[in-house]
Amino acid sequence: QVQLVESGGGLVQPGGSLRLSCAASRSIFSYGMAWYRQAPGKQREQVAHITTGGTTNYADSVKGRFTISRDNAKYTVSLQMNSLKPEDTAVYYCNTVFPIRFTWGQGTQVTVSS
C-alpha cells in the first residue's frame, strides 16, 4: 500500500500563492494522480488531475490559477496555486484519479483570508 503525505499548506492573503506537495512512499508512475479538496460542510471534490503521460485537467473553479505537475523519479505530485481566493480555503489531499487506490493522507490545510 502506498502512503501519501501532503504538505505546503498555510495561511495566505487573497491573491497570494502556495505550492503544495504530495510525497508517496513508493513509485506512482503507473497511476493517474489528482488533487482534491474538502471545505467545511462540503463534499470532497477533485480540483486537478494529471495522467501518466502528463496530460492535465482542471476544475473550472481553478482553471488558469492552479497547475498540477508530477515528478515520477521523486514519487511526488505538486500543485502550484496562484491568485488564491477565499473560496479556495479547504483541506487539500492527493490520491489517484477514480477509482481511488490509496488510503487518504492527512491532507494539508489551506486558508485564504485577509
N, C-alpha and C. Protein backbone atom coordinates (compact mmCIF):
# COMPACT_ATOMS: atom_id res chain seq x y z
N GLN A 1 0.86 -1.20 0.00
CA GLN A 1 0.00 0.00 0.00
C GLN A 1 0.89 1.24 0.00
N VAL A 2 0.50 2.23 -0.77
CA VAL A 2 1.24 3.48 -0.85
C VAL A 2 0.73 4.43 0.21
N GLN A 3 1.64 5.04 0.93
CA GLN A 3 1.29 6.12 1.86
C GLN A 3 1.52 7.46 1.18
N LEU A 4 0.61 8.39 1.44
CA LEU A 4 0.67 9.72 0.85
C LEU A 4 0.79 10.75 1.96
N VAL A 5 1.71 11.70 1.78
CA VAL A 5 1.89 12.77 2.75
C VAL A 5 1.84 14.10 2.02
N GLU A 6 0.84 14.90 2.37
CA GLU A 6 0.68 16.22 1.76
C GLU A 6 1.31 17.28 2.65
N SER A 7 1.85 18.32 2.02
CA SER A 7 2.47 19.41 2.77
C SER A 7 2.40 20.69 1.94
N GLY A 8 2.73 21.80 2.61
CA GLY A 8 2.83 23.07 1.90
C GLY A 8 1.69 24.03 2.14
N GLY A 9 0.66 23.60 2.86
CA GLY A 9 -0.46 24.48 3.12
C GLY A 9 -0.10 25.58 4.10
N GLY A 10 -1.05 26.47 4.32
CA GLY A 10 -0.83 27.56 5.26
C GLY A 10 -1.89 28.63 5.11
N LEU A 11 -1.62 29.75 5.76
CA LEU A 11 -2.50 30.91 5.70
C LEU A 11 -1.92 31.90 4.70
N VAL A 12 -2.74 32.33 3.78
CA VAL A 12 -2.28 33.26 2.74
C VAL A 12 -3.38 34.28 2.48
N GLN A 13 -2.97 35.48 2.10
CA GLN A 13 -3.94 36.51 1.77
C GLN A 13 -4.52 36.28 0.38
N PRO A 14 -5.71 36.78 0.14
CA PRO A 14 -6.28 36.69 -1.22
C PRO A 14 -5.31 37.27 -2.25
N GLY A 15 -5.19 36.56 -3.37
CA GLY A 15 -4.24 36.95 -4.40
C GLY A 15 -2.87 36.33 -4.24
N GLY A 16 -2.64 35.69 -3.12
CA GLY A 16 -1.35 35.07 -2.87
C GLY A 16 -1.19 33.71 -3.53
N SER A 17 -0.04 33.09 -3.26
CA SER A 17 0.29 31.81 -3.86
C SER A 17 0.78 30.82 -2.82
N LEU A 18 0.56 29.55 -3.11
CA LEU A 18 1.11 28.45 -2.33
C LEU A 18 1.47 27.33 -3.28
N ARG A 19 2.42 26.52 -2.84
CA ARG A 19 2.76 25.32 -3.61
C ARG A 19 2.62 24.12 -2.68
N LEU A 20 1.73 23.23 -3.05
CA LEU A 20 1.50 22.02 -2.27
C LEU A 20 2.31 20.87 -2.86
N SER A 21 2.75 19.99 -1.98
CA SER A 21 3.47 18.80 -2.41
C SER A 21 2.84 17.55 -1.82
N CYS A 22 2.90 16.49 -2.58
CA CYS A 22 2.41 15.19 -2.14
C CYS A 22 3.53 14.19 -2.36
N ALA A 23 3.99 13.60 -1.28
CA ALA A 23 5.07 12.62 -1.36
C ALA A 23 4.50 11.23 -1.16
N ALA A 24 4.78 10.35 -2.08
CA ALA A 24 4.33 8.96 -1.99
C ALA A 24 5.46 8.08 -1.48
N SER A 25 5.10 7.00 -0.82
CA SER A 25 6.10 6.12 -0.22
C SER A 25 6.77 5.19 -1.23
N ARG A 26 6.17 5.07 -2.39
CA ARG A 26 6.80 4.30 -3.45
C ARG A 26 6.31 4.81 -4.79
N SER A 27 6.77 4.21 -5.85
CA SER A 27 6.51 4.73 -7.18
C SER A 27 5.02 4.81 -7.50
N ILE A 28 4.65 5.93 -8.11
CA ILE A 28 3.26 6.14 -8.53
C ILE A 28 3.18 6.39 -10.02
N PHE A 29 4.24 6.03 -10.74
CA PHE A 29 4.33 6.41 -12.15
C PHE A 29 3.22 5.79 -13.00
N SER A 30 2.65 4.69 -12.53
CA SER A 30 1.64 4.00 -13.33
C SER A 30 0.22 4.45 -13.03
N TYR A 31 0.10 5.49 -12.20
CA TYR A 31 -1.22 5.97 -11.80
C TYR A 31 -1.47 7.40 -12.26
N GLY A 32 -2.68 7.63 -12.75
CA GLY A 32 -3.12 9.00 -12.88
C GLY A 32 -3.33 9.54 -11.47
N MET A 33 -2.86 10.75 -11.22
CA MET A 33 -2.92 11.33 -9.88
C MET A 33 -3.73 12.62 -9.89
N ALA A 34 -4.27 12.94 -8.73
CA ALA A 34 -5.14 14.11 -8.64
C ALA A 34 -4.98 14.79 -7.29
N TRP A 35 -5.33 16.06 -7.29
CA TRP A 35 -5.50 16.81 -6.05
C TRP A 35 -6.99 17.00 -5.82
N TYR A 36 -7.37 16.82 -4.57
CA TYR A 36 -8.74 17.00 -4.14
C TYR A 36 -8.77 18.03 -3.00
N ARG A 37 -9.94 18.57 -2.75
CA ARG A 37 -10.06 19.45 -1.59
C ARG A 37 -11.43 19.26 -0.95
N GLN A 38 -11.47 19.54 0.33
CA GLN A 38 -12.72 19.44 1.07
C GLN A 38 -12.84 20.65 1.98
N ALA A 39 -13.83 21.46 1.71
CA ALA A 39 -14.12 22.62 2.55
C ALA A 39 -15.10 22.22 3.64
N PRO A 40 -15.14 22.96 4.73
CA PRO A 40 -16.06 22.62 5.82
C PRO A 40 -17.49 22.52 5.34
N GLY A 41 -18.14 21.41 5.68
CA GLY A 41 -19.54 21.22 5.32
C GLY A 41 -19.79 20.85 3.88
N LYS A 42 -18.71 20.62 3.13
CA LYS A 42 -18.88 20.27 1.71
C LYS A 42 -18.23 18.93 1.41
N GLN A 43 -18.63 18.36 0.29
CA GLN A 43 -18.04 17.09 -0.14
C GLN A 43 -16.65 17.33 -0.73
N ARG A 44 -15.84 16.29 -0.66
CA ARG A 44 -14.53 16.35 -1.28
C ARG A 44 -14.70 16.44 -2.80
N GLU A 45 -13.91 17.32 -3.43
CA GLU A 45 -14.01 17.50 -4.87
C GLU A 45 -12.61 17.43 -5.48
N GLN A 46 -12.57 16.96 -6.71
CA GLN A 46 -11.31 16.94 -7.43
C GLN A 46 -11.07 18.31 -8.05
N VAL A 47 -9.86 18.84 -7.89
CA VAL A 47 -9.56 20.14 -8.47
C VAL A 47 -8.62 20.06 -9.66
N ALA A 48 -7.81 19.01 -9.72
CA ALA A 48 -6.88 18.87 -10.84
C ALA A 48 -6.43 17.43 -10.92
N HIS A 49 -6.15 16.98 -12.14
CA HIS A 49 -5.54 15.67 -12.26
C HIS A 49 -4.50 15.67 -13.37
N ILE A 50 -3.61 14.70 -13.30
CA ILE A 50 -2.54 14.55 -14.28
C ILE A 50 -2.41 13.08 -14.62
N THR A 51 -2.39 12.79 -15.92
CA THR A 51 -2.31 11.40 -16.35
C THR A 51 -0.88 10.89 -16.26
N THR A 52 -0.71 9.61 -16.51
CA THR A 52 0.64 9.04 -16.52
C THR A 52 1.50 9.69 -17.59
N GLY A 53 0.87 10.16 -18.64
CA GLY A 53 1.61 10.80 -19.73
C GLY A 53 1.82 12.29 -19.56
N GLY A 54 1.26 12.84 -18.47
CA GLY A 54 1.47 14.25 -18.19
C GLY A 54 0.36 15.18 -18.65
N THR A 55 -0.70 14.63 -19.21
CA THR A 55 -1.84 15.47 -19.59
C THR A 55 -2.57 15.93 -18.34
N THR A 56 -2.94 17.20 -18.31
CA THR A 56 -3.58 17.76 -17.12
C THR A 56 -5.01 18.22 -17.41
N ASN A 57 -5.79 18.27 -16.34
CA ASN A 57 -7.16 18.77 -16.45
C ASN A 57 -7.52 19.42 -15.13
N TYR A 58 -8.36 20.46 -15.20
CA TYR A 58 -8.67 21.25 -14.02
C TYR A 58 -10.16 21.49 -13.88
N ALA A 59 -10.60 21.62 -12.64
CA ALA A 59 -11.96 22.06 -12.39
C ALA A 59 -12.09 23.50 -12.88
N ASP A 60 -13.27 23.86 -13.32
CA ASP A 60 -13.48 25.22 -13.84
C ASP A 60 -13.13 26.28 -12.79
N SER A 61 -13.35 25.95 -11.54
CA SER A 61 -13.14 26.93 -10.47
C SER A 61 -11.67 27.29 -10.26
N VAL A 62 -10.75 26.46 -10.76
CA VAL A 62 -9.33 26.72 -10.55
C VAL A 62 -8.55 26.88 -11.85
N LYS A 63 -9.23 26.68 -12.95
CA LYS A 63 -8.55 26.73 -14.25
C LYS A 63 -7.89 28.08 -14.45
N GLY A 64 -6.64 28.05 -14.90
CA GLY A 64 -5.91 29.28 -15.12
C GLY A 64 -5.18 29.80 -13.90
N ARG A 65 -5.48 29.22 -12.73
CA ARG A 65 -4.83 29.66 -11.48
C ARG A 65 -3.97 28.56 -10.86
N PHE A 66 -4.37 27.32 -11.03
CA PHE A 66 -3.65 26.18 -10.44
C PHE A 66 -2.93 25.40 -11.53
N THR A 67 -1.78 24.83 -11.16
CA THR A 67 -1.03 23.98 -12.07
C THR A 67 -0.58 22.73 -11.34
N ILE A 68 -0.95 21.59 -11.88
CA ILE A 68 -0.53 20.31 -11.30
C ILE A 68 0.66 19.78 -12.08
N SER A 69 1.57 19.15 -11.36
CA SER A 69 2.74 18.55 -12.01
C SER A 69 3.14 17.31 -11.23
N ARG A 70 4.00 16.51 -11.85
CA ARG A 70 4.45 15.29 -11.18
C ARG A 70 5.91 15.06 -11.48
N ASP A 71 6.59 14.42 -10.54
CA ASP A 71 7.98 14.02 -10.72
C ASP A 71 8.03 12.54 -10.38
N ASN A 72 7.99 11.70 -11.38
CA ASN A 72 7.92 10.26 -11.14
C ASN A 72 9.19 9.74 -10.46
N ALA A 73 10.31 10.36 -10.74
CA ALA A 73 11.56 9.92 -10.14
C ALA A 73 11.59 10.17 -8.63
N LYS A 74 10.88 11.20 -8.20
CA LYS A 74 10.86 11.56 -6.77
C LYS A 74 9.58 11.12 -6.09
N TYR A 75 8.69 10.45 -6.82
CA TYR A 75 7.42 9.97 -6.26
C TYR A 75 6.58 11.13 -5.72
N THR A 76 6.57 12.26 -6.41
CA THR A 76 5.85 13.42 -5.91
C THR A 76 4.86 13.97 -6.94
N VAL A 77 3.83 14.59 -6.41
CA VAL A 77 2.87 15.35 -7.21
C VAL A 77 2.73 16.71 -6.54
N SER A 78 2.73 17.76 -7.33
CA SER A 78 2.68 19.11 -6.78
C SER A 78 1.48 19.87 -7.33
N LEU A 79 1.09 20.90 -6.59
CA LEU A 79 0.02 21.78 -7.03
C LEU A 79 0.44 23.22 -6.75
N GLN A 80 0.72 23.95 -7.81
CA GLN A 80 1.03 25.37 -7.70
C GLN A 80 -0.28 26.14 -7.76
N MET A 81 -0.53 26.92 -6.72
CA MET A 81 -1.79 27.65 -6.62
C MET A 81 -1.50 29.14 -6.60
N ASN A 82 -1.98 29.85 -7.59
CA ASN A 82 -1.80 31.29 -7.69
C ASN A 82 -3.15 32.00 -7.62
N SER A 83 -3.10 33.29 -7.39
CA SER A 83 -4.32 34.11 -7.34
C SER A 83 -5.37 33.47 -6.44
N LEU A 84 -4.96 33.09 -5.27
CA LEU A 84 -5.85 32.38 -4.37
C LEU A 84 -7.01 33.25 -3.92
N LYS A 85 -8.14 32.59 -3.73
CA LYS A 85 -9.38 33.25 -3.33
C LYS A 85 -9.86 32.65 -2.00
N PRO A 86 -10.66 33.38 -1.26
CA PRO A 86 -11.19 32.82 -0.01
C PRO A 86 -11.92 31.50 -0.22
N GLU A 87 -12.57 31.34 -1.35
CA GLU A 87 -13.30 30.09 -1.62
C GLU A 87 -12.38 28.91 -1.91
N ASP A 88 -11.08 29.14 -2.00
CA ASP A 88 -10.12 28.04 -2.12
C ASP A 88 -9.78 27.44 -0.75
N THR A 89 -10.25 28.04 0.30
CA THR A 89 -9.99 27.53 1.64
C THR A 89 -10.56 26.13 1.80
N ALA A 90 -9.70 25.20 2.18
CA ALA A 90 -10.10 23.80 2.30
C ALA A 90 -8.89 23.00 2.78
N VAL A 91 -9.15 21.74 3.09
CA VAL A 91 -8.06 20.77 3.28
C VAL A 91 -7.82 20.11 1.93
N TYR A 92 -6.56 20.09 1.52
CA TYR A 92 -6.18 19.56 0.21
C TYR A 92 -5.52 18.19 0.38
N TYR A 93 -5.92 17.28 -0.48
CA TYR A 93 -5.42 15.90 -0.46
C TYR A 93 -4.98 15.50 -1.86
N CYS A 94 -4.05 14.58 -1.92
CA CYS A 94 -3.75 13.95 -3.21
C CYS A 94 -4.12 12.47 -3.13
N ASN A 95 -4.37 11.89 -4.28
CA ASN A 95 -4.65 10.48 -4.41
C ASN A 95 -4.70 10.16 -5.89
N THR A 96 -5.01 8.93 -6.20
CA THR A 96 -5.16 8.58 -7.60
C THR A 96 -6.46 9.18 -8.13
N VAL A 97 -6.58 9.21 -9.44
CA VAL A 97 -7.88 9.52 -10.02
C VAL A 97 -8.81 8.35 -9.70
N PHE A 98 -10.09 8.54 -9.89
CA PHE A 98 -11.04 7.47 -9.59
C PHE A 98 -10.82 6.26 -10.50
N PRO A 99 -10.92 5.04 -9.95
CA PRO A 99 -11.23 4.73 -8.56
C PRO A 99 -10.04 4.98 -7.64
N ILE A 100 -10.30 5.49 -6.46
CA ILE A 100 -9.26 5.78 -5.50
C ILE A 100 -8.52 4.49 -5.13
N ARG A 101 -7.18 4.56 -5.21
CA ARG A 101 -6.39 3.35 -4.99
C ARG A 101 -5.72 3.31 -3.63
N PHE A 102 -5.45 4.49 -3.06
CA PHE A 102 -4.63 4.53 -1.84
C PHE A 102 -5.42 5.09 -0.67
N THR A 103 -4.98 4.77 0.52
CA THR A 103 -5.57 5.36 1.72
C THR A 103 -5.30 6.86 1.72
N TRP A 104 -6.29 7.63 2.10
CA TRP A 104 -6.14 9.08 2.14
C TRP A 104 -5.10 9.47 3.19
N GLY A 105 -4.29 10.48 2.84
CA GLY A 105 -3.38 11.05 3.80
C GLY A 105 -4.10 12.01 4.73
N GLN A 106 -3.32 12.74 5.50
CA GLN A 106 -3.92 13.65 6.47
C GLN A 106 -4.34 14.98 5.84
N GLY A 107 -3.87 15.22 4.64
CA GLY A 107 -4.18 16.46 3.95
C GLY A 107 -3.36 17.63 4.49
N THR A 108 -3.49 18.75 3.80
CA THR A 108 -2.82 19.97 4.23
C THR A 108 -3.82 21.13 4.14
N GLN A 109 -3.91 21.90 5.22
CA GLN A 109 -4.90 22.97 5.30
C GLN A 109 -4.43 24.20 4.54
N VAL A 110 -5.30 24.70 3.69
CA VAL A 110 -5.07 25.97 3.01
C VAL A 110 -6.16 26.94 3.45
N THR A 111 -5.75 28.07 3.98
CA THR A 111 -6.68 29.10 4.41
C THR A 111 -6.35 30.40 3.70
N VAL A 112 -7.32 30.93 2.98
CA VAL A 112 -7.13 32.18 2.25
C VAL A 112 -7.99 33.24 2.92
N SER A 113 -7.33 34.16 3.56
CA SER A 113 -8.05 35.17 4.35
C SER A 113 -7.18 36.39 4.53
N SER A 114 -7.83 37.54 4.59
CA SER A 114 -7.11 38.77 4.88
C SER A 114 -7.14 39.08 6.38
